[in-house]
Amino acid sequence: MSAPPSPKDILSALLPFLKVAGAYAQQIQERIAIHPDKYEGDHVFANALTDADLSIQNFIEVTLLAKFPDVRFYGEEYESTYNTKYFKAIDLGPQEDYLITLDPIDGTRYYMDGHPNYLVMLTVINADGFEAAIALSPASDRYYYSLRDRGTFVGSMSDDLDQCKPLKIESPKEKIVLGTALSPIADVVRKHYSVVDLKTEYSSEVPVPPINGLLTGEVSGVILASAQFIDTAALAWMAKEMGYCLTTYDGKPLPPPSACENYRQAEIIVSATPEMQQTLIEIMQSVKTR
C-alpha cells in the first residue's frame, strides 16, 4: 500500500484546479446569480449563497474524488451537492486521517456586492490541528498557503507552491476586526484601537477590511466569538503560522479540532504582537466580568 499523501502533496495536486475555480469566480462575478438566503433571520454573511459557491464546490468535489477517493471531506455547501455521499466521511477522524474542508467563496456577501476581497479556501485538518491551508484571491492575482510549523507563503496565481515566498507583514494597520456577534463591545475596543465592526460597518458600496485582511496588512487583529474551520479559524491559524499571536479569550492555546463542535473554534483572538494580544485579552476579560 502506498503512503498517504502529505498535506503539501494535497495542496500541490489541487492547486491547478483551485486556480481554475478562482478564475471562474472572477469571470462571472459581475453577472452572478444569487440564491435565496440559506437561513432564516439576520445572518448578514452566513446567509449569502450564489451559483459560484455551488459550482466551485461541485468542481472541487469531483477533483477530490478523482485524485483522493478515500479522503474525508467537508464543504460549506455539503447539503446542496450531489457528491457528499461519495466521500468516506464529512467529519474529523483519528490522528493522521485528514479532513479536507472547502469554503468555495469565503466572503460570499463581499463577492455578491462586487467587492474584490473574497477568497477560495481549502484546508487540511488533523485531529490535533491544522496541517495546511490555502486561500486564493483571484481579484488580487495572488494566493497564500500555510503548512504546519513551516510558515505562511504568498505568490502570484501563476506560481506553484515552491515559487511562493514567506509572507511577512512589517507594518500592519493598527486596526481590529470584530466578528458580528461582538458588535456590542465595539466602543470598548475603540478606546484602545481603531475598529472594524462588521455587523454595523459592512457596506455594499465601499468594501471594509474583512478577516482575511490579516494576510494583507489591512488589519492587525481579529476577535471572534466563533470561528469556522473552513474559513475564519483557518485564516487565524495562517496568521499564527506567519508569526502572529493566537489564543482564546483567556490567553490559552486553542483546543484541538477534535475537542470542538460543529466545525468551529470558540472565542479566539489573533493579533500581530504580544503587546496587542495581551491588551485584547484584557479587554475580553473585562467585558466578561460586566
Protein backbone atom coordinates (compact mmCIF):
# COMPACT_ATOMS: atom_id res chain seq x y z
CA MET A 1 0.00 0.00 0.00
CA SER A 2 1.37 3.44 -0.93
CA ALA A 3 1.93 6.06 1.74
CA PRO A 4 -0.91 8.56 2.18
CA PRO A 5 -0.29 11.96 0.58
CA SER A 6 1.26 14.66 2.72
CA PRO A 7 -0.63 17.91 3.30
CA LYS A 8 1.70 19.66 0.85
CA ASP A 9 1.11 16.91 -1.72
CA ILE A 10 -2.63 17.51 -1.37
CA LEU A 11 -2.24 21.25 -1.90
CA SER A 12 0.08 20.72 -4.88
CA ALA A 13 -2.34 18.32 -6.56
CA LEU A 14 -5.34 20.56 -6.02
CA LEU A 15 -3.69 23.92 -6.74
CA PRO A 16 -4.26 23.90 -10.54
CA PHE A 17 -7.95 23.16 -10.00
CA LEU A 18 -8.31 25.77 -7.27
CA LYS A 19 -6.79 28.31 -9.68
CA VAL A 20 -9.39 27.38 -12.29
CA ALA A 21 -12.11 27.77 -9.66
CA GLY A 22 -10.76 31.21 -8.76
CA ALA A 23 -10.61 32.31 -12.39
CA TYR A 24 -14.20 31.13 -12.88
CA ALA A 25 -15.37 33.08 -9.82
CA GLN A 26 -13.67 36.22 -11.06
CA GLN A 27 -15.05 35.94 -14.59
CA ILE A 28 -18.68 35.57 -13.58
CA GLN A 29 -18.74 37.90 -10.57
CA GLU A 30 -20.41 40.80 -12.37
CA ARG A 31 -23.31 38.67 -13.57
CA ILE A 32 -23.52 36.17 -10.72
CA ALA A 33 -26.89 34.59 -9.96
CA ILE A 34 -27.85 34.89 -6.31
CA HIS A 35 -29.79 32.19 -4.47
CA PRO A 36 -32.30 32.71 -1.64
CA ASP A 37 -30.86 33.12 1.86
CA LYS A 38 -29.72 29.84 3.40
CA TYR A 39 -31.18 30.55 6.83
CA GLU A 40 -33.96 32.48 8.46
CA GLY A 41 -33.08 35.58 10.43
CA ASP A 42 -30.37 38.23 10.34
CA HIS A 43 -27.30 36.36 9.11
CA VAL A 44 -25.68 39.08 7.00
CA PHE A 45 -22.71 36.97 5.92
CA ALA A 46 -23.74 33.35 6.58
CA ASN A 47 -26.93 33.64 4.53
CA ALA A 48 -25.28 34.58 1.25
CA LEU A 49 -25.30 31.93 -1.50
CA THR A 50 -24.51 32.16 -5.23
CA ASP A 51 -24.02 29.95 -8.25
CA ALA A 52 -20.27 30.30 -7.70
CA ASP A 53 -20.42 28.71 -4.24
CA LEU A 54 -22.28 25.68 -5.56
CA SER A 55 -20.35 25.31 -8.81
CA ILE A 56 -16.92 25.57 -7.21
CA GLN A 57 -17.84 23.10 -4.51
CA ASN A 58 -19.01 20.58 -7.11
CA PHE A 59 -15.88 21.13 -9.19
CA ILE A 60 -13.51 20.58 -6.26
CA GLU A 61 -15.53 17.58 -5.06
CA VAL A 62 -15.18 15.94 -8.48
CA THR A 63 -11.46 16.67 -8.43
CA LEU A 64 -11.02 15.25 -4.94
CA LEU A 65 -12.95 12.08 -5.73
CA ALA A 66 -10.78 11.54 -8.80
CA LYS A 67 -7.45 12.19 -7.05
CA PHE A 68 -8.06 11.26 -3.40
CA PRO A 69 -11.11 8.96 -3.37
CA ASP A 70 -10.60 7.84 0.23
CA VAL A 71 -10.44 11.28 1.80
CA ARG A 72 -12.72 12.82 4.39
CA PHE A 73 -14.26 16.00 3.03
CA TYR A 74 -16.48 18.73 4.39
CA GLY A 75 -17.55 21.58 2.14
CA GLU A 76 -19.65 24.54 3.21
CA GLU A 77 -22.43 23.63 0.76
CA TYR A 78 -22.39 19.91 1.52
CA GLU A 79 -26.17 19.78 1.91
CA SER A 80 -26.71 21.07 -1.63
CA THR A 81 -24.28 18.95 -3.67
CA TYR A 82 -24.59 15.59 -5.36
CA ASN A 83 -21.22 14.29 -4.15
CA THR A 84 -21.29 14.33 -0.36
CA LYS A 85 -22.45 10.71 -0.25
CA TYR A 86 -19.38 9.52 -2.18
CA PHE A 87 -16.82 10.66 0.37
CA LYS A 88 -15.51 8.48 3.16
CA ALA A 89 -16.92 10.85 5.78
CA ILE A 90 -17.55 14.53 6.40
CA ASP A 91 -16.26 14.69 9.97
CA LEU A 92 -12.88 14.61 11.67
CA GLY A 93 -11.31 11.21 12.00
CA PRO A 94 -8.48 9.83 14.12
CA GLN A 95 -5.00 11.36 14.01
CA GLU A 96 -3.43 11.28 10.51
CA ASP A 97 -6.81 10.60 8.85
CA TYR A 98 -7.09 14.10 7.43
CA LEU A 99 -10.26 16.05 6.88
CA ILE A 100 -10.17 18.37 3.86
CA THR A 101 -12.52 21.33 4.05
CA LEU A 102 -13.61 23.86 1.45
CA ASP A 103 -15.15 27.29 1.54
CA PRO A 104 -15.84 27.77 -2.17
CA ILE A 105 -16.33 31.52 -1.77
CA ASP A 106 -15.13 32.89 1.54
CA GLY A 107 -16.79 36.28 1.76
CA THR A 108 -19.82 35.50 -0.36
CA ARG A 109 -21.51 38.73 0.71
CA TYR A 110 -18.46 40.70 -0.46
CA TYR A 111 -18.45 38.70 -3.68
CA MET A 112 -22.17 39.31 -4.31
CA ASP A 113 -21.69 43.03 -3.83
CA GLY A 114 -18.87 43.17 -6.37
CA HIS A 115 -16.03 43.65 -3.88
CA PRO A 116 -12.61 42.11 -4.61
CA ASN A 117 -11.79 40.79 -1.13
CA TYR A 118 -13.22 37.28 -1.37
CA LEU A 119 -11.25 34.03 -1.30
CA VAL A 120 -11.41 30.41 -2.40
CA MET A 121 -10.25 28.45 0.67
CA LEU A 122 -9.25 24.86 1.30
CA THR A 123 -7.77 23.32 4.46
CA VAL A 124 -6.26 20.03 5.57
CA ILE A 125 -7.09 19.33 9.21
CA ASN A 126 -5.78 16.69 11.59
CA ALA A 127 -7.40 15.68 14.84
CA ASP A 128 -4.89 17.79 16.75
CA GLY A 129 -4.72 20.85 14.50
CA PHE A 130 -4.49 22.39 11.07
CA GLU A 131 -1.91 20.79 8.78
CA ALA A 132 -2.31 23.07 5.76
CA ALA A 133 -4.49 25.80 4.36
CA ILE A 134 -4.63 27.69 1.08
CA ALA A 135 -6.50 30.89 0.28
CA LEU A 136 -6.73 32.15 -3.30
CA SER A 137 -7.53 35.80 -4.01
CA PRO A 138 -8.36 35.92 -7.73
CA ALA A 139 -9.02 39.67 -7.79
CA SER A 140 -5.54 40.45 -6.47
CA ASP A 141 -3.80 37.77 -8.57
CA ARG A 142 -2.26 36.11 -5.55
CA TYR A 143 -2.69 33.24 -3.18
CA TYR A 144 -1.50 32.34 0.30
CA TYR A 145 -0.78 28.98 1.83
CA SER A 146 0.41 27.68 5.18
CA LEU A 147 1.99 24.43 6.29
CA ARG A 148 2.11 23.38 9.91
CA ASP A 149 5.24 24.69 11.66
CA ARG A 150 6.69 25.82 8.32
CA GLY A 151 5.14 29.25 7.91
CA THR A 152 2.80 31.10 5.57
CA PHE A 153 3.71 31.85 1.97
CA VAL A 154 2.45 34.12 -0.79
CA GLY A 155 2.73 34.02 -4.56
CA SER A 156 1.03 35.10 -7.74
CA MET A 157 -1.63 32.95 -9.35
CA SER A 158 0.93 31.81 -11.92
CA ASP A 159 3.33 30.46 -9.26
CA ASP A 160 3.48 26.91 -7.99
CA LEU A 161 3.89 26.27 -4.27
CA ASP A 162 7.68 26.21 -4.30
CA GLN A 163 7.85 29.57 -6.08
CA CYS A 164 5.97 31.33 -3.30
CA LYS A 165 7.83 33.46 -0.77
CA PRO A 166 7.45 33.59 3.02
CA LEU A 167 4.76 36.08 3.99
CA LYS A 168 5.94 38.79 6.38
CA ILE A 169 3.95 41.93 7.07
CA GLU A 170 6.20 44.58 8.55
CA SER A 171 3.70 47.31 9.45
CA PRO A 172 0.08 46.14 9.50
CA LYS A 173 -2.56 48.81 10.09
CA GLU A 174 -3.40 49.06 13.78
CA LYS A 175 -7.00 48.08 13.27
CA ILE A 176 -9.09 45.33 14.90
CA VAL A 177 -11.88 43.43 13.15
CA LEU A 178 -14.77 42.37 15.37
CA GLY A 179 -16.98 39.47 14.35
CA THR A 180 -20.67 40.26 14.07
CA ALA A 181 -21.53 38.80 17.48
CA LEU A 182 -19.11 41.21 19.16
CA SER A 183 -20.65 44.43 17.86
CA PRO A 184 -21.87 45.35 21.39
CA ILE A 185 -18.28 45.72 22.65
CA ALA A 186 -17.02 47.82 19.72
CA ASP A 187 -16.88 51.01 21.78
CA VAL A 188 -14.82 49.28 24.46
CA VAL A 189 -12.23 48.13 21.92
CA ARG A 190 -12.22 51.58 20.29
CA LYS A 191 -10.75 53.03 23.49
CA HIS A 192 -7.56 51.20 22.51
CA TYR A 193 -7.60 50.63 18.74
CA SER A 194 -9.37 51.54 15.55
CA VAL A 195 -12.16 49.03 14.96
CA VAL A 196 -13.93 47.43 12.01
CA ASP A 197 -17.34 46.40 13.35
CA LEU A 198 -18.53 44.01 10.65
CA LYS A 199 -22.12 43.99 11.86
CA THR A 200 -22.63 47.75 11.59
CA GLU A 201 -19.95 48.90 9.17
CA TYR A 202 -20.29 46.44 6.30
CA SER A 203 -21.26 48.28 3.11
CA SER A 204 -22.34 47.04 -0.29
CA GLU A 205 -20.83 50.21 -1.77
CA VAL A 206 -17.42 50.51 -0.11
CA PRO A 207 -15.51 47.38 0.94
CA VAL A 208 -14.44 47.28 4.58
CA PRO A 209 -11.45 45.14 5.57
CA PRO A 210 -12.57 41.56 6.21
CA ILE A 211 -10.92 38.98 8.42
CA ASN A 212 -8.62 37.98 5.57
CA GLY A 213 -7.09 41.44 6.00
CA LEU A 214 -4.77 39.65 8.44
CA LEU A 215 -2.88 38.34 5.40
CA THR A 216 -2.71 41.67 3.57
CA GLY A 217 -1.81 44.01 6.43
CA GLU A 218 -5.16 45.82 6.27
CA VAL A 219 -5.78 44.80 9.88
CA SER A 220 -3.53 43.69 12.73
CA GLY A 221 -6.03 41.85 14.89
CA VAL A 222 -9.32 39.97 14.92
CA ILE A 223 -11.64 38.95 17.75
CA LEU A 224 -14.31 36.33 17.06
CA ALA A 225 -16.93 34.71 19.24
CA SER A 226 -16.88 31.70 16.91
CA ALA A 227 -14.62 30.73 14.00
CA GLN A 228 -15.38 28.10 11.38
CA PHE A 229 -12.69 25.59 10.43
CA ILE A 230 -13.37 26.26 6.76
CA ASP A 231 -12.56 29.97 6.81
CA THR A 232 -12.12 32.25 9.83
CA ALA A 233 -10.36 29.67 12.04
CA ALA A 234 -8.15 28.76 9.10
CA LEU A 235 -7.27 32.42 8.45
CA ALA A 236 -6.42 32.90 12.13
CA TRP A 237 -4.18 29.83 12.00
CA MET A 238 -2.49 31.09 8.82
CA ALA A 239 -1.76 34.36 10.63
CA LYS A 240 -0.27 32.36 13.51
CA GLU A 241 1.96 30.48 11.09
CA MET A 242 3.02 33.91 9.79
CA GLY A 243 4.16 34.81 13.31
CA TYR A 244 1.05 36.38 14.85
CA CYS A 245 -0.35 35.52 18.29
CA LEU A 246 -3.43 33.26 18.53
CA THR A 247 -5.24 32.39 21.77
CA THR A 248 -8.61 32.02 23.40
CA TYR A 249 -10.14 34.98 25.21
CA ASP A 250 -8.30 33.98 28.38
CA GLY A 251 -4.92 33.70 26.69
CA LYS A 252 -4.75 29.93 26.41
CA PRO A 253 -3.84 27.94 23.29
CA LEU A 254 -6.80 26.96 21.15
CA PRO A 255 -8.22 23.49 21.79
CA PRO A 256 -7.56 20.89 19.09
CA PRO A 257 -10.22 20.45 16.39
CA SER A 258 -11.15 17.09 17.89
CA ALA A 259 -12.32 18.90 21.03
CA CYS A 260 -14.50 21.35 19.09
CA GLU A 261 -18.09 21.03 17.89
CA ASN A 262 -19.84 21.90 14.63
CA TYR A 263 -16.58 22.55 12.78
CA ARG A 264 -15.96 25.65 14.91
CA GLN A 265 -13.49 27.03 17.41
CA ALA A 266 -14.91 29.36 20.03
CA GLU A 267 -13.69 32.69 21.43
CA ILE A 268 -10.49 33.42 19.55
CA ILE A 269 -8.15 36.39 19.45
CA VAL A 270 -5.41 36.81 16.84
CA SER A 271 -3.09 39.80 16.62
CA ALA A 272 0.24 40.99 15.29
CA THR A 273 2.18 41.45 18.53
CA PRO A 274 2.33 40.04 22.05
CA GLU A 275 1.54 43.51 23.42
CA MET A 276 -1.59 43.87 21.33
CA GLN A 277 -2.61 40.31 22.17
CA GLN A 278 -2.33 40.98 25.88
CA THR A 279 -4.38 44.17 25.56
CA LEU A 280 -7.12 42.35 23.66
CA ILE A 281 -7.15 39.52 26.20
CA GLU A 282 -7.54 42.06 29.00
CA ILE A 283 -10.39 43.73 27.11
CA MET A 284 -12.22 40.44 26.66
CA GLN A 285 -11.71 39.50 30.31
CA SER A 286 -13.08 42.88 31.38
CA VAL A 287 -16.24 42.60 29.30
CA LYS A 288 -16.82 39.06 30.58
CA THR A 289 -16.99 40.31 34.15
CA ARG A 290 -19.54 43.04 33.44
